Every structure is written in structure tokens, then in C-alpha cells.
PDB file of N, CA and C in Angstrom:
ATOM      1  N   UNK A   1      37.934 -32.143 -57.402  1.00  0.00           N
ATOM      2  CA  UNK A   1      37.046 -31.301 -58.184  1.00  0.00           C
ATOM      3  C   UNK A   1      36.008 -32.155 -58.906  1.00  0.00           C
ATOM      4  N   UNK A   2      36.449 -33.273 -59.481  1.00  0.00           N
ATOM      5  CA  UNK A   2      35.523 -34.122 -60.216  1.00  0.00           C
ATOM      6  C   UNK A   2      34.468 -34.719 -59.285  1.00  0.00           C
ATOM      7  N   UNK A   3      34.843 -35.038 -58.063  1.00  0.00           N
ATOM      8  CA  UNK A   3      33.896 -35.590 -57.092  1.00  0.00           C
ATOM      9  C   UNK A   3      32.825 -34.558 -56.743  1.00  0.00           C
ATOM     10  N   UNK A   4      33.173 -33.277 -56.742  1.00  0.00           N
ATOM     11  CA  UNK A   4      32.199 -32.224 -56.459  1.00  0.00           C
ATOM     12  C   UNK A   4      31.087 -32.213 -57.483  1.00  0.00           C
ATOM     13  N   UNK A   5      31.436 -32.305 -58.753  1.00  0.00           N
ATOM     14  CA  UNK A   5      30.428 -32.259 -59.810  1.00  0.00           C
ATOM     15  C   UNK A   5      29.498 -33.461 -59.761  1.00  0.00           C
ATOM     16  N   UNK A   6      30.047 -34.635 -59.507  1.00  0.00           N
ATOM     17  CA  UNK A   6      29.217 -35.829 -59.493  1.00  0.00           C
ATOM     18  C   UNK A   6      28.347 -35.886 -58.240  1.00  0.00           C
ATOM     19  N   UNK A   7      28.731 -35.175 -57.181  1.00  0.00           N
ATOM     20  CA  UNK A   7      27.962 -35.190 -55.945  1.00  0.00           C
ATOM     21  C   UNK A   7      26.728 -34.296 -56.030  1.00  0.00           C
ATOM     22  N   UNK A   8      26.701 -33.369 -56.973  1.00  0.00           N
ATOM     23  CA  UNK A   8      25.559 -32.465 -57.088  1.00  0.00           C
ATOM     24  C   UNK A   8      24.356 -33.203 -57.645  1.00  0.00           C
ATOM     25  N   UNK A   9      23.213 -32.942 -57.053  1.00  0.00           N
ATOM     26  CA  UNK A   9      21.978 -33.584 -57.466  1.00  0.00           C
ATOM     27  C   UNK A   9      21.358 -32.832 -58.641  1.00  0.00           C
ATOM     28  N   UNK A  10      20.686 -33.579 -59.514  1.00  0.00           N
ATOM     29  CA  UNK A  10      19.979 -32.960 -60.631  1.00  0.00           C
ATOM     30  C   UNK A  10      18.562 -33.513 -60.690  1.00  0.00           C
ATOM     31  N   UNK A  11      17.704 -32.776 -61.362  1.00  0.00           N
ATOM     32  CA  UNK A  11      16.323 -33.182 -61.581  1.00  0.00           C
ATOM     33  C   UNK A  11      16.091 -33.259 -63.084  1.00  0.00           C
ATOM     34  N   UNK A  12      15.359 -34.267 -63.527  1.00  0.00           N
ATOM     35  CA  UNK A  12      14.961 -34.355 -64.930  1.00  0.00           C
ATOM     36  C   UNK A  12      13.563 -33.766 -65.034  1.00  0.00           C
ATOM     37  N   UNK A  13      13.442 -32.712 -65.827  1.00  0.00           N
ATOM     38  CA  UNK A  13      12.166 -32.021 -65.988  1.00  0.00           C
ATOM     39  C   UNK A  13      11.714 -32.195 -67.431  1.00  0.00           C
ATOM     40  N   UNK A  14      10.467 -32.629 -67.618  1.00  0.00           N
ATOM     41  CA  UNK A  14       9.903 -32.845 -68.946  1.00  0.00           C
ATOM     42  C   UNK A  14       8.640 -32.012 -69.091  1.00  0.00           C
ATOM     43  N   UNK A  15       8.552 -31.284 -70.193  1.00  0.00           N
ATOM     44  CA  UNK A  15       7.329 -30.519 -70.466  1.00  0.00           C
ATOM     45  C   UNK A  15       6.282 -31.473 -71.031  1.00  0.00           C
ATOM     46  N   UNK A  16       5.100 -31.498 -70.425  1.00  0.00           N
ATOM     47  CA  UNK A  16       4.046 -32.412 -70.861  1.00  0.00           C
ATOM     48  C   UNK A  16       2.816 -31.683 -71.385  1.00  0.00           C
ATOM     49  N   UNK A  17       2.766 -30.375 -71.207  1.00  0.00           N
ATOM     50  CA  UNK A  17       1.605 -29.608 -71.635  1.00  0.00           C
ATOM     51  C   UNK A  17       2.065 -28.291 -72.240  1.00  0.00           C
ATOM     52  N   UNK A  18       1.303 -27.806 -73.210  1.00  0.00           N
ATOM     53  CA  UNK A  18       1.655 -26.565 -73.891  1.00  0.00           C
ATOM     54  C   UNK A  18       1.442 -25.368 -72.967  1.00  0.00           C
ATOM     55  N   UNK A  19       2.231 -24.319 -73.186  1.00  0.00           N
ATOM     56  CA  UNK A  19       2.083 -23.097 -72.399  1.00  0.00           C
ATOM     57  C   UNK A  19       1.022 -22.171 -72.986  1.00  0.00           C
ATOM     58  N   UNK A  20       0.514 -22.512 -74.158  1.00  0.00           N
ATOM     59  CA  UNK A  20      -0.520 -21.688 -74.787  1.00  0.00           C
ATOM     60  C   UNK A  20      -1.780 -21.748 -73.932  1.00  0.00           C
ATOM     61  N   UNK A  21      -2.357 -20.601 -73.662  1.00  0.00           N
ATOM     62  CA  UNK A  21      -3.573 -20.540 -72.862  1.00  0.00           C
ATOM     63  C   UNK A  21      -3.304 -20.303 -71.395  1.00  0.00           C
ATOM     64  N   UNK A  22      -2.038 -20.285 -70.996  1.00  0.00           N
ATOM     65  CA  UNK A  22      -1.688 -20.011 -69.612  1.00  0.00           C
ATOM     66  C   UNK A  22      -1.030 -18.637 -69.525  1.00  0.00           C
ATOM     67  N   UNK A  23      -0.838 -18.186 -68.321  1.00  0.00           N
ATOM     68  CA  UNK A  23      -0.225 -16.889 -68.070  1.00  0.00           C
ATOM     69  C   UNK A  23       1.133 -16.799 -68.778  1.00  0.00           C
ATOM     70  N   UNK A  24       1.438 -15.649 -69.380  1.00  0.00           N
ATOM     71  CA  UNK A  24       2.697 -15.467 -70.106  1.00  0.00           C
ATOM     72  C   UNK A  24       3.897 -15.668 -69.194  1.00  0.00           C
ATOM     73  N   UNK A  25       3.786 -15.286 -67.941  1.00  0.00           N
ATOM     74  CA  UNK A  25       4.901 -15.468 -67.010  1.00  0.00           C
ATOM     75  C   UNK A  25       5.222 -16.948 -66.817  1.00  0.00           C
ATOM     76  N   UNK A  26       4.208 -17.798 -66.850  1.00  0.00           N
ATOM     77  CA  UNK A  26       4.453 -19.228 -66.723  1.00  0.00           C
ATOM     78  C   UNK A  26       5.196 -19.755 -67.948  1.00  0.00           C
ATOM     79  N   UNK A  27       4.863 -19.235 -69.126  1.00  0.00           N
ATOM     80  CA  UNK A  27       5.603 -19.603 -70.338  1.00  0.00           C
ATOM     81  C   UNK A  27       7.048 -19.172 -70.241  1.00  0.00           C
ATOM     82  N   UNK A  28       7.279 -17.984 -69.664  1.00  0.00           N
ATOM     83  CA  UNK A  28       8.647 -17.494 -69.478  1.00  0.00           C
ATOM     84  C   UNK A  28       9.425 -18.392 -68.523  1.00  0.00           C
ATOM     85  N   UNK A  29       8.766 -18.888 -67.490  1.00  0.00           N
ATOM     86  CA  UNK A  29       9.431 -19.780 -66.525  1.00  0.00           C
ATOM     87  C   UNK A  29       9.807 -21.090 -67.199  1.00  0.00           C
ATOM     88  N   UNK A  30       8.907 -21.637 -68.011  1.00  0.00           N
ATOM     89  CA  UNK A  30       9.202 -22.892 -68.718  1.00  0.00           C
ATOM     90  C   UNK A  30      10.408 -22.701 -69.621  1.00  0.00           C
ATOM     91  N   UNK A  31      10.474 -21.583 -70.336  1.00  0.00           N
ATOM     92  CA  UNK A  31      11.614 -21.314 -71.224  1.00  0.00           C
ATOM     93  C   UNK A  31      12.902 -21.139 -70.416  1.00  0.00           C
ATOM     94  N   UNK A  32      12.815 -20.483 -69.256  1.00  0.00           N
ATOM     95  CA  UNK A  32      14.023 -20.252 -68.460  1.00  0.00           C
ATOM     96  C   UNK A  32      14.533 -21.546 -67.827  1.00  0.00           C
ATOM     97  N   UNK A  33      13.658 -22.522 -67.621  1.00  0.00           N
ATOM     98  CA  UNK A  33      14.100 -23.837 -67.154  1.00  0.00           C
ATOM     99  C   UNK A  33      14.917 -24.514 -68.252  1.00  0.00           C
ATOM    100  N   UNK A  34      14.625 -24.174 -69.508  1.00  0.00           N
ATOM    101  CA  UNK A  34      15.367 -24.737 -70.631  1.00  0.00           C
ATOM    102  C   UNK A  34      14.518 -25.601 -71.536  1.00  0.00           C
ATOM    103  N   UNK A  35      13.217 -25.653 -71.276  1.00  0.00           N
ATOM    104  CA  UNK A  35      12.317 -26.473 -72.085  1.00  0.00           C
ATOM    105  C   UNK A  35      11.872 -25.706 -73.318  1.00  0.00           C
ATOM    106  N   UNK A  36      11.791 -26.407 -74.454  1.00  0.00           N
ATOM    107  CA  UNK A  36      11.452 -25.759 -75.712  1.00  0.00           C
ATOM    108  C   UNK A  36      10.138 -26.235 -76.308  1.00  0.00           C
ATOM    109  N   UNK A  37       9.759 -27.482 -76.042  1.00  0.00           N
ATOM    110  CA  UNK A  37       8.555 -28.028 -76.669  1.00  0.00           C
ATOM    111  C   UNK A  37       8.029 -29.176 -75.803  1.00  0.00           C
ATOM    112  N   UNK A  38       6.854 -29.668 -76.127  1.00  0.00           N
ATOM    113  CA  UNK A  38       6.256 -30.773 -75.396  1.00  0.00           C
ATOM    114  C   UNK A  38       7.131 -32.018 -75.576  1.00  0.00           C
ATOM    115  N   UNK A  39       7.299 -32.780 -74.518  1.00  0.00           N
ATOM    116  CA  UNK A  39       8.129 -33.991 -74.433  1.00  0.00           C
ATOM    117  C   UNK A  39       9.627 -33.694 -74.492  1.00  0.00           C
ATOM    118  N   UNK A  40      10.017 -32.439 -74.332  1.00  0.00           N
ATOM    119  CA  UNK A  40      11.435 -32.088 -74.259  1.00  0.00           C
ATOM    120  C   UNK A  40      11.870 -32.236 -72.798  1.00  0.00           C
ATOM    121  N   UNK A  41      13.006 -32.889 -72.568  1.00  0.00           N
ATOM    122  CA  UNK A  41      13.503 -33.147 -71.215  1.00  0.00           C
ATOM    123  C   UNK A  41      14.856 -32.487 -71.026  1.00  0.00           C
ATOM    124  N   UNK A  42      15.036 -31.859 -69.873  1.00  0.00           N
ATOM    125  CA  UNK A  42      16.323 -31.255 -69.519  1.00  0.00           C
ATOM    126  C   UNK A  42      16.682 -31.673 -68.096  1.00  0.00           C
ATOM    127  N   UNK A  43      17.982 -31.696 -67.825  1.00  0.00           N
ATOM    128  CA  UNK A  43      18.465 -31.928 -66.466  1.00  0.00           C
ATOM    129  C   UNK A  43      18.863 -30.589 -65.879  1.00  0.00           C
ATOM    130  N   UNK A  44      18.324 -30.289 -64.708  1.00  0.00           N
ATOM    131  CA  UNK A  44      18.603 -29.022 -64.048  1.00  0.00           C
ATOM    132  C   UNK A  44      19.137 -29.306 -62.648  1.00  0.00           C
ATOM    133  N   UNK A  45      19.939 -28.395 -62.092  1.00  0.00           N
ATOM    134  CA  UNK A  45      20.451 -28.610 -60.736  1.00  0.00           C
ATOM    135  C   UNK A  45      19.322 -28.565 -59.714  1.00  0.00           C
ATOM    136  N   UNK A  46      19.459 -29.350 -58.666  1.00  0.00           N
ATOM    137  CA  UNK A  46      18.447 -29.409 -57.614  1.00  0.00           C
ATOM    138  C   UNK A  46      18.751 -28.326 -56.585  1.00  0.00           C
ATOM    139  N   UNK A  47      18.279 -27.108 -56.874  1.00  0.00           N
ATOM    140  CA  UNK A  47      18.481 -25.971 -55.977  1.00  0.00           C
ATOM    141  C   UNK A  47      17.125 -25.442 -55.548  1.00  0.00           C
ATOM    142  N   UNK A  48      17.067 -24.691 -54.453  1.00  0.00           N
ATOM    143  CA  UNK A  48      15.786 -24.115 -54.025  1.00  0.00           C
ATOM    144  C   UNK A  48      15.170 -23.198 -55.086  1.00  0.00           C
ATOM    145  N   UNK A  49      16.020 -22.483 -55.812  1.00  0.00           N
ATOM    146  CA  UNK A  49      15.505 -21.583 -56.853  1.00  0.00           C
ATOM    147  C   UNK A  49      14.842 -22.372 -57.975  1.00  0.00           C
ATOM    148  N   UNK A  50      15.489 -23.448 -58.401  1.00  0.00           N
ATOM    149  CA  UNK A  50      14.942 -24.263 -59.485  1.00  0.00           C
ATOM    150  C   UNK A  50      13.661 -24.968 -59.029  1.00  0.00           C
ATOM    151  N   UNK A  51      13.647 -25.445 -57.785  1.00  0.00           N
ATOM    152  CA  UNK A  51      12.439 -26.084 -57.265  1.00  0.00           C
ATOM    153  C   UNK A  51      11.273 -25.097 -57.225  1.00  0.00           C
ATOM    154  N   UNK A  52      11.553 -23.835 -56.919  1.00  0.00           N
ATOM    155  CA  UNK A  52      10.510 -22.818 -56.920  1.00  0.00           C
ATOM    156  C   UNK A  52       9.968 -22.583 -58.318  1.00  0.00           C
ATOM    157  N   UNK A  53      10.856 -22.571 -59.314  1.00  0.00           N
ATOM    158  CA  UNK A  53      10.413 -22.389 -60.692  1.00  0.00           C
ATOM    159  C   UNK A  53       9.562 -23.574 -61.139  1.00  0.00           C
ATOM    160  N   UNK A  54       9.985 -24.777 -60.785  1.00  0.00           N
ATOM    161  CA  UNK A  54       9.230 -25.972 -61.157  1.00  0.00           C
ATOM    162  C   UNK A  54       7.869 -25.961 -60.470  1.00  0.00           C
ATOM    163  N   UNK A  55       7.833 -25.528 -59.216  1.00  0.00           N
ATOM    164  CA  UNK A  55       6.570 -25.475 -58.484  1.00  0.00           C
ATOM    165  C   UNK A  55       5.575 -24.520 -59.152  1.00  0.00           C
ATOM    166  N   UNK A  56       6.084 -23.431 -59.711  1.00  0.00           N
ATOM    167  CA  UNK A  56       5.221 -22.432 -60.360  1.00  0.00           C
ATOM    168  C   UNK A  56       4.542 -22.993 -61.608  1.00  0.00           C
ATOM    169  N   UNK A  57       5.197 -23.941 -62.288  1.00  0.00           N
ATOM    170  CA  UNK A  57       4.635 -24.512 -63.520  1.00  0.00           C
ATOM    171  C   UNK A  57       4.412 -26.018 -63.378  1.00  0.00           C
ATOM    172  N   UNK A  58       4.126 -26.472 -62.180  1.00  0.00           N
ATOM    173  CA  UNK A  58       3.997 -27.910 -61.917  1.00  0.00           C
ATOM    174  C   UNK A  58       2.874 -28.565 -62.705  1.00  0.00           C
ATOM    175  N   UNK A  59       1.897 -27.781 -63.199  1.00  0.00           N
ATOM    176  CA  UNK A  59       0.814 -28.324 -64.000  1.00  0.00           C
ATOM    177  C   UNK A  59       1.217 -28.512 -65.467  1.00  0.00           C
ATOM    178  N   UNK A  60       2.405 -28.033 -65.859  1.00  0.00           N
ATOM    179  CA  UNK A  60       2.878 -28.124 -67.237  1.00  0.00           C
ATOM    180  C   UNK A  60       4.031 -29.118 -67.412  1.00  0.00           C
ATOM    181  N   UNK A  61       4.633 -29.551 -66.305  1.00  0.00           N
ATOM    182  CA  UNK A  61       5.828 -30.389 -66.381  1.00  0.00           C
ATOM    183  C   UNK A  61       5.709 -31.604 -65.463  1.00  0.00           C
ATOM    184  N   UNK A  62       6.594 -32.594 -65.718  1.00  0.00           N
ATOM    185  CA  UNK A  62       6.781 -33.701 -64.781  1.00  0.00           C
ATOM    186  C   UNK A  62       8.242 -33.705 -64.358  1.00  0.00           C
ATOM    187  N   UNK A  63       8.496 -34.235 -63.162  1.00  0.00           N
ATOM    188  CA  UNK A  63       9.846 -34.222 -62.599  1.00  0.00           C
ATOM    189  C   UNK A  63      10.217 -35.639 -62.179  1.00  0.00           C
ATOM    190  N   UNK A  64      11.453 -36.031 -62.501  1.00  0.00           N
ATOM    191  CA  UNK A  64      11.987 -37.334 -62.063  1.00  0.00           C
ATOM    192  C   UNK A  64      13.158 -37.097 -61.148  1.00  0.00           C
TER     193      UNK A  64
END
């Protein structure tokens, strides 16, 4: 079981730009990723759904 968790890939997502002035739906996507403010970083699972969300707000975040 422990090997399963460590085998899962994650992405580090950092918000680099404010959501003010952009479409409200994009702000909602940033919040649903788990980001709260500029320079806030979260680790998210590397899934197709998460990659789609990141792609939608790729101008507001950086990914490692």
C-alpha cells in the first residue's frame, strides 16, 4: 500500500499572477486547484483532469 502512494506522480503548481481582471471561471479554477494567493505553491496529483485545469489557467501559474 505504501509503495502505491509513493509511485503516484505529483505536480507543483505555483500561482504567479493575480486572478483579478480575468474571467471569473478562471479564478474558480485557480481556487479549486488549491491556490490562495500569489507565490502560493501546492502539490497536486498528475491526472488528466488536473492537467486540464492547469492548462485553462496556464497564464496565471507555473508548474514544476
